[in-house]
Structures are given as structure tokens and as C-alpha cells.
PDB file of N, CA and C in Angstrom:
ATOM      1  N   UNK A   1     -14.767 -84.856 110.235  1.00  0.00           N
ATOM      2  CA  UNK A   1     -15.105 -83.201 110.172  1.00  0.00           C
ATOM      3  C   UNK A   1     -16.063 -82.896 110.761  1.00  0.00           C
ATOM      4  N   UNK A   2     -15.817 -81.935 112.163  1.00  0.00           N
ATOM      5  CA  UNK A   2     -17.201 -81.235 112.732  1.00  0.00           C
ATOM      6  C   UNK A   2     -17.536 -79.996 111.921  1.00  0.00           C
ATOM      7  N   UNK A   3     -18.041 -79.504 111.373  1.00  0.00           N
ATOM      8  CA  UNK A   3     -19.278 -78.508 111.230  1.00  0.00           C
ATOM      9  C   UNK A   3     -18.819 -77.327 111.760  1.00  0.00           C
ATOM     10  N   UNK A   4     -17.860 -76.445 112.152  1.00  0.00           N
ATOM     11  CA  UNK A   4     -17.501 -74.799 112.757  1.00  0.00           C
ATOM     12  C   UNK A   4     -18.814 -74.191 112.654  1.00  0.00           C
ATOM     13  N   UNK A   5     -19.284 -73.151 113.635  1.00  0.00           N
ATOM     14  CA  UNK A   5     -20.062 -71.564 113.435  1.00  0.00           C
ATOM     15  C   UNK A   5     -20.065 -71.424 111.912  1.00  0.00           C
ATOM     16  N   UNK A   6     -19.055 -71.239 111.288  1.00  0.00           N
ATOM     17  CA  UNK A   6     -18.826 -70.459 110.086  1.00  0.00           C
ATOM     18  C   UNK A   6     -19.682 -71.252 109.691  1.00  0.00           C
ATOM     19  N   UNK A   7     -19.989 -72.540 109.847  1.00  0.00           N
ATOM     20  CA  UNK A   7     -20.642 -73.524 108.262  1.00  0.00           C
ATOM     21  C   UNK A   7     -19.727 -73.695 107.008  1.00  0.00           C
ATOM     22  N   UNK A   8     -18.349 -73.054 107.016  1.00  0.00           N
ATOM     23  CA  UNK A   8     -17.392 -73.652 106.434  1.00  0.00           C
ATOM     24  C   UNK A   8     -16.156 -74.125 106.302  1.00  0.00           C
ATOM     25  N   UNK A   9     -16.111 -75.483 106.103  1.00  0.00           N
ATOM     26  CA  UNK A   9     -14.856 -76.747 106.306  1.00  0.00           C
ATOM     27  C   UNK A   9     -13.659 -75.972 105.139  1.00  0.00           C
ATOM     28  N   UNK A  10     -13.084 -76.361 106.093  1.00  0.00           N
ATOM     29  CA  UNK A  10     -11.572 -76.062 105.067  1.00  0.00           C
ATOM     30  C   UNK A  10     -11.290 -77.329 104.861  1.00  0.00           C
ATOM     31  N   UNK A  11     -11.067 -77.547 103.596  1.00  0.00           N
ATOM     32  CA  UNK A  11     -10.152 -78.428 102.418  1.00  0.00           C
ATOM     33  C   UNK A  11      -8.510 -77.629 101.823  1.00  0.00           C
ATOM     34  N   UNK A  12      -7.790 -78.215 102.606  1.00  0.00           N
ATOM     35  CA  UNK A  12      -6.623 -77.139 101.891  1.00  0.00           C
ATOM     36  C   UNK A  12      -6.070 -76.077 102.222  1.00  0.00           C
ATOM     37  N   UNK A  13      -6.522 -74.743 101.537  1.00  0.00           N
ATOM     38  CA  UNK A  13      -6.145 -72.690 101.484  1.00  0.00           C
ATOM     39  C   UNK A  13      -7.046 -72.922 101.189  1.00  0.00           C
ATOM     40  N   UNK A  14      -8.717 -73.660 101.002  1.00  0.00           N
ATOM     41  CA  UNK A  14      -9.873 -73.615 100.699  1.00  0.00           C
ATOM     42  C   UNK A  14     -10.708 -73.594 101.618  1.00  0.00           C
ATOM     43  N   UNK A  15     -12.307 -72.703 101.504  1.00  0.00           N
ATOM     44  CA  UNK A  15     -12.829 -72.849 102.298  1.00  0.00           C
ATOM     45  C   UNK A  15     -14.271 -73.056 101.732  1.00  0.00           C
ATOM     46  N   UNK A  16     -15.542 -74.685 101.655  1.00  0.00           N
ATOM     47  CA  UNK A  16     -16.047 -74.982 101.379  1.00  0.00           C
ATOM     48  C   UNK A  16     -17.248 -74.299 102.163  1.00  0.00           C
ATOM     49  N   UNK A  17     -18.704 -73.954 101.502  1.00  0.00           N
ATOM     50  CA  UNK A  17     -19.857 -73.570 102.630  1.00  0.00           C
ATOM     51  C   UNK A  17     -20.343 -75.637 103.041  1.00  0.00           C
ATOM     52  N   UNK A  18     -21.489 -75.452 103.751  1.00  0.00           N
ATOM     53  CA  UNK A  18     -21.432 -76.436 104.424  1.00  0.00           C
ATOM     54  C   UNK A  18     -23.720 -75.961 105.518  1.00  0.00           C
ATOM     55  N   UNK A  19     -23.740 -76.916 104.654  1.00  0.00           N
ATOM     56  CA  UNK A  19     -25.722 -75.631 104.951  1.00  0.00           C
ATOM     57  C   UNK A  19     -25.384 -75.918 106.639  1.00  0.00           C
ATOM     58  N   UNK A  20     -25.887 -74.451 106.919  1.00  0.00           N
ATOM     59  CA  UNK A  20     -25.792 -74.135 108.286  1.00  0.00           C
ATOM     60  C   UNK A  20     -26.481 -75.442 109.398  1.00  0.00           C
ATOM     61  N   UNK A  21     -27.463 -75.852 108.731  1.00  0.00           N
ATOM     62  CA  UNK A  21     -28.195 -76.843 109.491  1.00  0.00           C
ATOM     63  C   UNK A  21     -27.669 -78.020 109.866  1.00  0.00           C
ATOM     64  N   UNK A  22     -25.999 -78.032 109.881  1.00  0.00           N
ATOM     65  CA  UNK A  22     -24.956 -78.977 110.317  1.00  0.00           C
ATOM     66  C   UNK A  22     -24.221 -78.712 110.691  1.00  0.00           C
ATOM     67  N   UNK A  23     -24.537 -77.041 111.324  1.00  0.00           N
ATOM     68  CA  UNK A  23     -22.893 -76.656 112.825  1.00  0.00           C
ATOM     69  C   UNK A  23     -22.978 -77.646 113.870  1.00  0.00           C
ATOM     70  N   UNK A  24     -22.053 -77.927 114.161  1.00  0.00           N
ATOM     71  CA  UNK A  24     -22.001 -78.763 114.895  1.00  0.00           C
ATOM     72  C   UNK A  24     -21.957 -80.176 115.012  1.00  0.00           C
ATOM     73  N   UNK A  25     -21.664 -80.316 114.325  1.00  0.00           N
ATOM     74  CA  UNK A  25     -22.730 -81.920 113.784  1.00  0.00           C
ATOM     75  C   UNK A  25     -21.509 -82.777 112.665  1.00  0.00           C
ATOM     76  N   UNK A  26     -20.859 -84.010 113.036  1.00  0.00           N
ATOM     77  CA  UNK A  26     -19.906 -84.399 112.141  1.00  0.00           C
ATOM     78  C   UNK A  26     -20.279 -85.303 110.547  1.00  0.00           C
ATOM     79  N   UNK A  27     -19.055 -84.766 109.878  1.00  0.00           N
ATOM     80  CA  UNK A  27     -19.517 -84.788 108.210  1.00  0.00           C
ATOM     81  C   UNK A  27     -18.223 -85.943 108.050  1.00  0.00           C
ATOM     82  N   UNK A  28     -18.202 -86.286 107.404  1.00  0.00           N
ATOM     83  CA  UNK A  28     -17.749 -86.525 105.944  1.00  0.00           C
ATOM     84  C   UNK A  28     -17.215 -85.961 104.654  1.00  0.00           C
ATOM     85  N   UNK A  29     -16.544 -85.739 104.462  1.00  0.00           N
ATOM     86  CA  UNK A  29     -15.562 -85.248 103.450  1.00  0.00           C
ATOM     87  C   UNK A  29     -14.896 -86.249 102.082  1.00  0.00           C
ATOM     88  N   UNK A  30     -15.295 -86.041 101.515  1.00  0.00           N
ATOM     89  CA  UNK A  30     -14.930 -87.164  99.831  1.00  0.00           C
ATOM     90  C   UNK A  30     -13.840 -85.875  98.386  1.00  0.00           C
ATOM     91  N   UNK A  31     -12.871 -85.977  99.010  1.00  0.00           N
ATOM     92  CA  UNK A  31     -12.431 -85.311  96.951  1.00  0.00           C
ATOM     93  C   UNK A  31     -11.908 -86.203  96.053  1.00  0.00           C
ATOM     94  N   UNK A  32     -12.297 -85.302  95.172  1.00  0.00           N
ATOM     95  CA  UNK A  32     -12.468 -86.121  94.505  1.00  0.00           C
ATOM     96  C   UNK A  32     -11.381 -85.063  93.486  1.00  0.00           C
ATOM     97  N   UNK A  33     -11.074 -85.322  91.770  1.00  0.00           N
ATOM     98  CA  UNK A  33     -10.196 -84.352  91.350  1.00  0.00           C
ATOM     99  C   UNK A  33     -10.916 -82.937  91.253  1.00  0.00           C
ATOM    100  N   UNK A  34     -11.766 -83.660  90.571  1.00  0.00           N
ATOM    101  CA  UNK A  34     -13.714 -82.788  90.337  1.00  0.00           C
ATOM    102  C   UNK A  34     -14.212 -81.413  92.061  1.00  0.00           C
ATOM    103  N   UNK A  35     -14.186 -82.933  92.746  1.00  0.00           N
ATOM    104  CA  UNK A  35     -15.230 -82.756  93.666  1.00  0.00           C
ATOM    105  C   UNK A  35     -14.692 -82.196  94.897  1.00  0.00           C
ATOM    106  N   UNK A  36     -15.456 -81.387  95.381  1.00  0.00           N
ATOM    107  CA  UNK A  36     -15.689 -82.084  97.558  1.00  0.00           C
ATOM    108  C   UNK A  36     -17.230 -82.138  98.025  1.00  0.00           C
ATOM    109  N   UNK A  37     -17.334 -83.091  98.235  1.00  0.00           N
ATOM    110  CA  UNK A  37     -18.274 -83.436  98.232  1.00  0.00           C
ATOM    111  C   UNK A  37     -18.717 -83.603  99.897  1.00  0.00           C
ATOM    112  N   UNK A  38     -19.961 -83.417 100.510  1.00  0.00           N
ATOM    113  CA  UNK A  38     -19.970 -83.652 101.665  1.00  0.00           C
ATOM    114  C   UNK A  38     -21.282 -84.618 102.366  1.00  0.00           C
ATOM    115  N   UNK A  39     -21.114 -85.106 103.173  1.00  0.00           N
ATOM    116  CA  UNK A  39     -21.806 -86.138 103.494  1.00  0.00           C
ATOM    117  C   UNK A  39     -22.557 -86.377 105.353  1.00  0.00           C
ATOM    118  N   UNK A  40     -23.981 -86.953 105.784  1.00  0.00           N
ATOM    119  CA  UNK A  40     -23.796 -86.508 106.693  1.00  0.00           C
ATOM    120  C   UNK A  40     -24.618 -87.689 107.048  1.00  0.00           C
ATOM    121  N   UNK A  41     -23.822 -88.547 108.014  1.00  0.00           N
ATOM    122  CA  UNK A  41     -25.394 -90.519 108.126  1.00  0.00           C
ATOM    123  C   UNK A  41     -24.776 -90.680 106.729  1.00  0.00           C
ATOM    124  N   UNK A  42     -24.110 -90.343 106.199  1.00  0.00           N
ATOM    125  CA  UNK A  42     -23.868 -91.447 104.925  1.00  0.00           C
ATOM    126  C   UNK A  42     -24.790 -91.044 103.306  1.00  0.00           C
ATOM    127  N   UNK A  43     -25.229 -89.855 103.775  1.00  0.00           N
ATOM    128  CA  UNK A  43     -25.917 -88.711 102.317  1.00  0.00           C
ATOM    129  C   UNK A  43     -25.662 -88.381 102.364  1.00  0.00           C
ATOM    130  N   UNK A  44     -25.496 -87.599 101.109  1.00  0.00           N
ATOM    131  CA  UNK A  44     -24.820 -86.404 101.075  1.00  0.00           C
ATOM    132  C   UNK A  44     -25.278 -84.809 101.325  1.00  0.00           C
ATOM    133  N   UNK A  45     -24.773 -84.332 101.477  1.00  0.00           N
ATOM    134  CA  UNK A  45     -25.771 -83.199 102.336  1.00  0.00           C
ATOM    135  C   UNK A  45     -24.981 -81.522 101.010  1.00  0.00           C
ATOM    136  N   UNK A  46     -24.433 -82.080 100.699  1.00  0.00           N
ATOM    137  CA  UNK A  46     -23.739 -80.560  99.264  1.00  0.00           C
ATOM    138  C   UNK A  46     -22.161 -81.100  98.787  1.00  0.00           C
ATOM    139  N   UNK A  47     -22.379 -80.597  97.351  1.00  0.00           N
ATOM    140  CA  UNK A  47     -20.633 -81.213  96.182  1.00  0.00           C
ATOM    141  C   UNK A  47     -20.727 -79.408  95.958  1.00  0.00           C
ATOM    142  N   UNK A  48     -18.929 -79.459  95.904  1.00  0.00           N
ATOM    143  CA  UNK A  48     -18.625 -77.957  94.990  1.00  0.00           C
ATOM    144  C   UNK A  48     -17.619 -78.553  94.295  1.00  0.00           C
ATOM    145  N   UNK A  49     -17.506 -77.397  93.188  1.00  0.00           N
ATOM    146  CA  UNK A  49     -16.554 -78.130  92.451  1.00  0.00           C
ATOM    147  C   UNK A  49     -15.265 -77.924  92.774  1.00  0.00           C
ATOM    148  N   UNK A  50     -14.438 -78.333  92.965  1.00  0.00           N
ATOM    149  CA  UNK A  50     -12.496 -78.353  93.345  1.00  0.00           C
ATOM    150  C   UNK A  50     -12.365 -77.164  93.443  1.00  0.00           C
ATOM    151  N   UNK A  51     -12.474 -76.760  94.035  1.00  0.00           N
ATOM    152  CA  UNK A  51     -11.055 -75.006  93.884  1.00  0.00           C
ATOM    153  C   UNK A  51      -9.780 -75.705  94.823  1.00  0.00           C
ATOM    154  N   UNK A  52      -8.374 -75.356  93.446  1.00  0.00           N
ATOM    155  CA  UNK A  52      -7.468 -75.126  94.330  1.00  0.00           C
ATOM    156  C   UNK A  52      -6.917 -73.953  94.462  1.00  0.00           C
ATOM    157  N   UNK A  53      -6.172 -73.909  96.098  1.00  0.00           N
ATOM    158  CA  UNK A  53      -5.980 -72.173  95.707  1.00  0.00           C
ATOM    159  C   UNK A  53      -6.496 -71.591  96.815  1.00  0.00           C
ATOM    160  N   UNK A  54      -6.097 -70.715  98.104  1.00  0.00           N
ATOM    161  CA  UNK A  54      -6.656 -70.458  99.042  1.00  0.00           C
ATOM    162  C   UNK A  54      -7.879 -69.150  98.397  1.00  0.00           C
ATOM    163  N   UNK A  55      -9.413 -69.366  99.338  1.00  0.00           N
ATOM    164  CA  UNK A  55     -10.700 -68.565  99.007  1.00  0.00           C
ATOM    165  C   UNK A  55     -11.771 -69.335  99.682  1.00  0.00           C
ATOM    166  N   UNK A  56     -12.302 -68.781  98.966  1.00  0.00           N
ATOM    167  CA  UNK A  56     -13.786 -69.813  99.691  1.00  0.00           C
ATOM    168  C   UNK A  56     -14.764 -69.627  98.476  1.00  0.00           C
ATOM    169  N   UNK A  57     -15.673 -70.809  98.617  1.00  0.00           N
ATOM    170  CA  UNK A  57     -16.461 -71.660  97.963  1.00  0.00           C
ATOM    171  C   UNK A  57     -17.844 -71.263  98.943  1.00  0.00           C
ATOM    172  N   UNK A  58     -19.069 -70.196  99.119  1.00  0.00           N
ATOM    173  CA  UNK A  58     -20.120 -70.158  99.971  1.00  0.00           C
ATOM    174  C   UNK A  58     -21.815 -70.655  98.788  1.00  0.00           C
ATOM    175  N   UNK A  59     -22.251 -70.910  98.715  1.00  0.00           N
ATOM    176  CA  UNK A  59     -23.816 -71.123  98.639  1.00  0.00           C
ATOM    177  C   UNK A  59     -24.113 -70.221  99.858  1.00  0.00           C
ATOM    178  N   UNK A  60     -25.110 -69.292  98.374  1.00  0.00           N
ATOM    179  CA  UNK A  60     -26.570 -68.386  99.744  1.00  0.00           C
ATOM    180  C   UNK A  60     -27.257 -69.573  99.959  1.00  0.00           C
ATOM    181  N   UNK A  61     -27.884 -70.440 100.102  1.00  0.00           N
ATOM    182  CA  UNK A  61     -28.664 -71.407 100.295  1.00  0.00           C
ATOM    183  C   UNK A  61     -27.969 -72.314 101.952  1.00  0.00           C
ATOM    184  N   UNK A  62     -26.315 -72.354 102.263  1.00  0.00           N
ATOM    185  CA  UNK A  62     -26.440 -72.806 102.884  1.00  0.00           C
ATOM    186  C   UNK A  62     -26.419 -71.280 104.059  1.00  0.00           C
ATOM    187  N   UNK A  63     -26.111 -70.499 103.911  1.00  0.00           N
ATOM    188  CA  UNK A  63     -26.109 -69.230 105.081  1.00  0.00           C
ATOM    189  C   UNK A  63     -27.639 -69.638 105.586  1.00  0.00           C
ATOM    190  N   UNK A  64     -27.674 -69.029 106.753  1.00  0.00           N
ATOM    191  CA  UNK A  64     -28.644 -68.560 107.996  1.00  0.00           C
ATOM    192  C   UNK A  64     -28.693 -67.186 106.815  1.00  0.00           C
ATOM    193  N   UNK A  65     -30.876 -67.422 107.022  1.00  0.00           N
ATOM    194  CA  UNK A  65     -30.915 -66.021 106.090  1.00  0.00           C
ATOM    195  C   UNK A  65     -30.136 -65.200 106.799  1.00  0.00           C
ATOM    196  N   UNK A  66     -30.382 -64.469 108.109  1.00  0.00           N
ATOM    197  CA  UNK A  66     -29.703 -63.517 108.750  1.00  0.00           C
ATOM    198  C   UNK A  66     -28.636 -62.781 108.047  1.00  0.00           C
ATOM    199  N   UNK A  67     -27.638 -63.890 107.765  1.00  0.00           N
ATOM    200  CA  UNK A  67     -26.349 -63.528 107.016  1.00  0.00           C
ATOM    201  C   UNK A  67     -26.931 -63.217 105.161  1.00  0.00           C
ATOM    202  N   UNK A  68     -27.821 -64.432 104.591  1.00  0.00           N
ATOM    203  CA  UNK A  68     -27.944 -63.609 103.004  1.00  0.00           C
ATOM    204  C   UNK A  68     -28.759 -62.279 103.639  1.00  0.00           C
ATOM    205  N   UNK A  69     -28.899 -62.083 104.401  1.00  0.00           N
ATOM    206  CA  UNK A  69     -29.525 -60.720 104.163  1.00  0.00           C
ATOM    207  C   UNK A  69     -28.452 -59.672 104.358  1.00  0.00           C
ATOM    208  N   UNK A  70     -27.095 -59.732 105.446  1.00  0.00           N
ATOM    209  CA  UNK A  70     -26.067 -58.902 105.620  1.00  0.00           C
ATOM    210  C   UNK A  70     -25.760 -58.955 104.142  1.00  0.00           C
ATOM    211  N   UNK A  71     -25.485 -60.089 103.438  1.00  0.00           N
ATOM    212  CA  UNK A  71     -24.842 -60.049 102.241  1.00  0.00           C
ATOM    213  C   UNK A  71     -25.748 -58.961 100.967  1.00  0.00           C
ATOM    214  N   UNK A  72     -27.009 -58.942 101.605  1.00  0.00           N
ATOM    215  CA  UNK A  72     -27.802 -58.471 100.597  1.00  0.00           C
ATOM    216  C   UNK A  72     -27.177 -56.466 100.952  1.00  0.00           C
ATOM    217  N   UNK A  73     -27.435 -56.188 101.981  1.00  0.00           N
ATOM    218  CA  UNK A  73     -27.364 -54.719 102.625  1.00  0.00           C
ATOM    219  C   UNK A  73     -26.252 -54.172 102.243  1.00  0.00           C
ATOM    220  N   UNK A  74     -25.099 -55.472 101.833  1.00  0.00           N
ATOM    221  CA  UNK A  74     -23.789 -55.100 101.964  1.00  0.00           C
ATOM    222  C   UNK A  74     -23.242 -54.822 100.677  1.00  0.00           C
ATOM    223  N   UNK A  75     -23.904 -55.566  99.180  1.00  0.00           N
ATOM    224  CA  UNK A  75     -23.990 -55.620  97.973  1.00  0.00           C
ATOM    225  C   UNK A  75     -24.532 -54.209  97.722  1.00  0.00           C
ATOM    226  N   UNK A  76     -25.893 -54.588  98.375  1.00  0.00           N
ATOM    227  CA  UNK A  76     -26.322 -52.379  98.815  1.00  0.00           C
ATOM    228  C   UNK A  76     -25.173 -51.076  98.105  1.00  0.00           C
ATOM    229  N   UNK A  77     -25.070 -51.183  99.604  1.00  0.00           N
ATOM    230  CA  UNK A  77     -23.530 -49.995 100.301  1.00  0.00           C
ATOM    231  C   UNK A  77     -22.925 -50.353  99.329  1.00  0.00           C
ATOM    232  N   UNK A  78     -22.428 -50.941  98.943  1.00  0.00           N
ATOM    233  CA  UNK A  78     -21.135 -50.830  97.792  1.00  0.00           C
ATOM    234  C   UNK A  78     -21.825 -50.727  96.650  1.00  0.00           C
ATOM    235  N   UNK A  79     -23.097 -50.498  95.623  1.00  0.00           N
ATOM    236  CA  UNK A  79     -23.840 -49.896  94.875  1.00  0.00           C
ATOM    237  C   UNK A  79     -23.527 -48.824  95.178  1.00  0.00           C
ATOM    238  N   UNK A  80     -23.788 -48.302  95.904  1.00  0.00           N
ATOM    239  CA  UNK A  80     -23.901 -47.290  96.557  1.00  0.00           C
ATOM    240  C   UNK A  80     -23.004 -46.247  96.862  1.00  0.00           C
ATOM    241  N   UNK A  81     -21.994 -47.223  97.402  1.00  0.00           N
ATOM    242  CA  UNK A  81     -20.413 -46.382  97.053  1.00  0.00           C
ATOM    243  C   UNK A  81     -19.828 -46.216  96.142  1.00  0.00           C
ATOM    244  N   UNK A  82     -20.343 -46.710  95.597  1.00  0.00           N
ATOM    245  CA  UNK A  82     -19.780 -46.998  93.613  1.00  0.00           C
ATOM    246  C   UNK A  82     -20.192 -45.283  92.957  1.00  0.00           C
ATOM    247  N   UNK A  83     -22.135 -45.518  93.054  1.00  0.00           N
ATOM    248  CA  UNK A  83     -22.542 -43.972  92.805  1.00  0.00           C
ATOM    249  C   UNK A  83     -22.189 -43.301  92.440  1.00  0.00           C
ATOM    250  N   UNK A  84     -21.773 -42.637  94.639  1.00  0.00           N
ATOM    251  CA  UNK A  84     -21.133 -41.739  94.369  1.00  0.00           C
ATOM    252  C   UNK A  84     -20.015 -41.381  94.292  1.00  0.00           C
ATOM    253  N   UNK A  85     -19.208 -42.460  93.854  1.00  0.00           N
ATOM    254  CA  UNK A  85     -17.578 -42.216  93.582  1.00  0.00           C
ATOM    255  C   UNK A  85     -17.527 -41.659  91.930  1.00  0.00           C
ATOM    256  N   UNK A  86     -18.701 -42.187  91.444  1.00  0.00           N
ATOM    257  CA  UNK A  86     -18.815 -41.609  90.030  1.00  0.00           C
ATOM    258  C   UNK A  86     -19.548 -40.185  89.568  1.00  0.00           C
ATOM    259  N   UNK A  87     -20.125 -40.389  91.050  1.00  0.00           N
ATOM    260  CA  UNK A  87     -21.067 -38.244  90.966  1.00  0.00           C
ATOM    261  C   UNK A  87     -19.421 -37.267  90.862  1.00  0.00           C
ATOM    262  N   UNK A  88     -18.405 -38.023  92.212  1.00  0.00           N
ATOM    263  CA  UNK A  88     -17.612 -37.610  92.835  1.00  0.00           C
ATOM    264  C   UNK A  88     -16.206 -37.527  91.245  1.00  0.00           C
ATOM    265  N   UNK A  89     -16.382 -37.922  90.880  1.00  0.00           N
ATOM    266  CA  UNK A  89     -15.522 -38.000  89.619  1.00  0.00           C
ATOM    267  C   UNK A  89     -15.632 -37.287  89.056  1.00  0.00           C
ATOM    268  N   UNK A  90     -17.486 -37.221  88.543  1.00  0.00           N
ATOM    269  CA  UNK A  90     -18.235 -36.198  87.230  1.00  0.00           C
ATOM    270  C   UNK A  90     -17.899 -34.750  87.694  1.00  0.00           C
ATOM    271  N   UNK A  91     -18.208 -34.672  89.426  1.00  0.00           N
ATOM    272  CA  UNK A  91     -17.784 -33.447  89.961  1.00  0.00           C
ATOM    273  C   UNK A  91     -16.311 -32.600  89.739  1.00  0.00           C
ATOM    274  N   UNK A  92     -15.322 -33.329  90.652  1.00  0.00           N
ATOM    275  CA  UNK A  92     -13.420 -33.300  89.910  1.00  0.00           C
ATOM    276  C   UNK A  92     -13.766 -33.066  88.603  1.00  0.00           C
ATOM    277  N   UNK A  93     -14.445 -33.496  87.597  1.00  0.00           N
ATOM    278  CA  UNK A  93     -14.117 -32.719  85.931  1.00  0.00           C
ATOM    279  C   UNK A  93     -14.329 -31.110  86.210  1.00  0.00           C
ATOM    280  N   UNK A  94     -15.933 -31.454  86.303  1.00  0.00           N
ATOM    281  CA  UNK A  94     -16.768 -30.160  85.628  1.00  0.00           C
ATOM    282  C   UNK A  94     -16.036 -28.991  86.718  1.00  0.00           C
ATOM    283  N   UNK A  95     -15.584 -29.169  87.874  1.00  0.00           N
ATOM    284  CA  UNK A  95     -14.949 -28.277  88.934  1.00  0.00           C
ATOM    285  C   UNK A  95     -13.817 -27.481  88.373  1.00  0.00           C
ATOM    286  N   UNK A  96     -12.744 -29.312  87.513  1.00  0.00           N
ATOM    287  CA  UNK A  96     -11.459 -28.358  87.314  1.00  0.00           C
ATOM    288  C   UNK A  96     -12.136 -27.752  85.919  1.00  0.00           C
ATOM    289  N   UNK A  97     -12.599 -28.405  84.632  1.00  0.00           N
ATOM    290  CA  UNK A  97     -13.103 -27.606  83.297  1.00  0.00           C
ATOM    291  C   UNK A  97     -13.736 -25.844  84.082  1.00  0.00           C
ATOM    292  N   UNK A  98     -14.536 -25.752  85.110  1.00  0.00           N
ATOM    293  CA  UNK A  98     -14.841 -25.133  85.596  1.00  0.00           C
ATOM    294  C   UNK A  98     -13.912 -23.574  85.799  1.00  0.00           C
ATOM    295  N   UNK A  99     -12.871 -24.247  86.665  1.00  0.00           N
ATOM    296  CA  UNK A  99     -11.425 -22.933  87.070  1.00  0.00           C
ATOM    297  C   UNK A  99     -10.522 -23.298  85.685  1.00  0.00           C
ATOM    298  N   UNK A 100     -10.466 -24.081  84.952  1.00  0.00           N
ATOM    299  CA  UNK A 100      -9.602 -23.473  83.698  1.00  0.00           C
ATOM    300  C   UNK A 100     -10.887 -22.672  82.550  1.00  0.00           C
ATOM    301  N   UNK A 101     -11.744 -22.723  82.648  1.00  0.00           N
ATOM    302  CA  UNK A 101     -12.201 -21.346  82.039  1.00  0.00           C
ATOM    303  C   UNK A 101     -12.264 -20.450  82.462  1.00  0.00           C
ATOM    304  N   UNK A 102     -11.928 -19.828  83.791  1.00  0.00           N
ATOM    305  CA  UNK A 102     -12.151 -18.863  84.369  1.00  0.00           C
ATOM    306  C   UNK A 102     -11.275 -18.489  85.407  1.00  0.00           C
ATOM    307  N   UNK A 103     -10.077 -19.267  85.636  1.00  0.00           N
ATOM    308  CA  UNK A 103      -8.815 -19.400  86.109  1.00  0.00           C
ATOM    309  C   UNK A 103      -9.912 -18.586  87.450  1.00  0.00           C
ATOM    310  N   UNK A 104     -11.169 -18.439  88.117  1.00  0.00           N
ATOM    311  CA  UNK A 104     -11.332 -18.794  89.349  1.00  0.00           C
ATOM    312  C   UNK A 104     -12.331 -19.892  89.711  1.00  0.00           C
ATOM    313  N   UNK A 105     -12.347 -19.142  91.386  1.00  0.00           N
ATOM    314  CA  UNK A 105     -12.956 -21.136  91.541  1.00  0.00           C
ATOM    315  C   UNK A 105     -14.386 -20.928  91.968  1.00  0.00           C
ATOM    316  N   UNK A 106     -15.354 -20.108  91.536  1.00  0.00           N
ATOM    317  CA  UNK A 106     -16.418 -19.782  91.757  1.00  0.00           C
ATOM    318  C   UNK A 106     -17.472 -21.007  90.983  1.00  0.00           C
ATOM    319  N   UNK A 107     -17.861 -22.016  91.756  1.00  0.00           N
ATOM    320  CA  UNK A 107     -18.767 -22.934  91.275  1.00  0.00           C
ATOM    321  C   UNK A 107     -20.044 -22.505  91.980  1.00  0.00           C
ATOM    322  N   UNK A 108     -21.245 -23.213  90.320  1.00  0.00           N
ATOM    323  CA  UNK A 108     -22.496 -23.637  90.828  1.00  0.00           C
ATOM    324  C   UNK A 108     -22.868 -24.798  90.030  1.00  0.00           C
ATOM    325  N   UNK A 109     -24.235 -25.307  90.817  1.00  0.00           N
ATOM    326  CA  UNK A 109     -24.056 -26.752  90.782  1.00  0.00           C
ATOM    327  C   UNK A 109     -25.885 -26.339  89.816  1.00  0.00           C
ATOM    328  N   UNK A 110     -25.148 -26.822  88.517  1.00  0.00           N
ATOM    329  CA  UNK A 110     -27.191 -26.630  87.758  1.00  0.00           C
ATOM    330  C   UNK A 110     -27.695 -28.056  88.404  1.00  0.00           C
ATOM    331  N   UNK A 111     -29.197 -27.869  89.137  1.00  0.00           N
ATOM    332  CA  UNK A 111     -29.495 -29.874  88.897  1.00  0.00           C
ATOM    333  C   UNK A 111     -29.754 -30.640  87.940  1.00  0.00           C
ATOM    334  N   UNK A 112     -29.859 -29.981  87.164  1.00  0.00           N
ATOM    335  CA  UNK A 112     -30.175 -30.194  85.479  1.00  0.00           C
ATOM    336  C   UNK A 112     -29.483 -31.106  85.011  1.00  0.00           C
ATOM    337  N   UNK A 113     -28.259 -30.493  85.315  1.00  0.00           N
ATOM    338  CA  UNK A 113     -26.852 -31.042  84.300  1.00  0.00           C
ATOM    339  C   UNK A 113     -25.907 -32.462  84.752  1.00  0.00           C
ATOM    340  N   UNK A 114     -26.479 -32.249  85.970  1.00  0.00           N
ATOM    341  CA  UNK A 114     -26.282 -33.847  86.686  1.00  0.00           C
ATOM    342  C   UNK A 114     -26.528 -34.858  85.906  1.00  0.00           C
ATOM    343  N   UNK A 115     -25.348 -35.638  85.682  1.00  0.00           N
ATOM    344  CA  UNK A 115     -25.987 -36.831  85.045  1.00  0.00           C
ATOM    345  C   UNK A 115     -27.005 -37.562  85.694  1.00  0.00           C
ATOM    346  N   UNK A 116     -28.076 -38.556  85.024  1.00  0.00           N
ATOM    347  CA  UNK A 116     -28.356 -38.871  86.036  1.00  0.00           C
ATOM    348  C   UNK A 116     -27.900 -40.697  86.595  1.00  0.00           C
ATOM    349  N   UNK A 117     -28.190 -40.793  87.447  1.00  0.00           N
ATOM    350  CA  UNK A 117     -27.064 -42.252  88.535  1.00  0.00           C
ATOM    351  C   UNK A 117     -28.000 -42.964  88.952  1.00  0.00           C
ATOM    352  N   UNK A 118     -27.444 -44.552  88.605  1.00  0.00           N
ATOM    353  CA  UNK A 118     -29.004 -45.350  89.376  1.00  0.00           C
ATOM    354  C   UNK A 118     -28.233 -46.308  90.178  1.00  0.00           C
ATOM    355  N   UNK A 119     -28.651 -45.907  91.587  1.00  0.00           N
ATOM    356  CA  UNK A 119     -27.323 -48.134  92.269  1.00  0.00           C
ATOM    357  C   UNK A 119     -28.521 -49.223  92.476  1.00  0.00           C
TER     358      UNK A 119
END
């Protein structure tokens, strides 16, 4: 099997990462009940626990550094979005409470009363 540009080989419906240095190279893949073993020129280059069903098993060290950075940025973006979502939920609750108390839509935000949120 030739390692594709995605450095992920497909076994049944599951994808397993291979160190990116082997992109374009022919590797041998061995499967057992428990493991997927990938060898290059007879030398084992990676081993994964076998997973049945669709999905991906990707090891960070198999990725080029540029791809690792993308994943870190994506994780940071997701954390920020979750933080903003929390603030939005809190603000919505605050607005509903303010409206129920006064039957008006006068909204003031006191920065000291905002919950502290860390990303």
C-alpha cells in the first residue's frame, strides 16, 4: 500500500495515521485482532490499536509540524467559541430577568457583575 498525501491509510472503514515522512512510499500493513501494524522495508514504523467501524486514529507526531499548529489553533478557536457561548447564555438569562422584573427592555451591563470566563 502506498501512503497517500493525507498520511492516513484506510483499513476497512477506519483511517490510521502513518508518519508523514513515508508519504508516497510503499508500506506493508499487518492486522491482528488487536493491532494495525505498519512496516517500511521490514521495519515497524507505527502501531495502532485496531478500531472497528468508521473514524480516524491520528497520532500528533505523525503529522507535519504545520498540521499540528493548525490543530492547536482550531482547538483554541473552539475554546473561544465555547467561552463566547457561555457569555451569551449568561447575558440572555440576565436580560430575561431584567425584563421580568421591570416589564421594560432597559438593559445596563455592570462589568463588575459579569462572570469571569477564561479561555
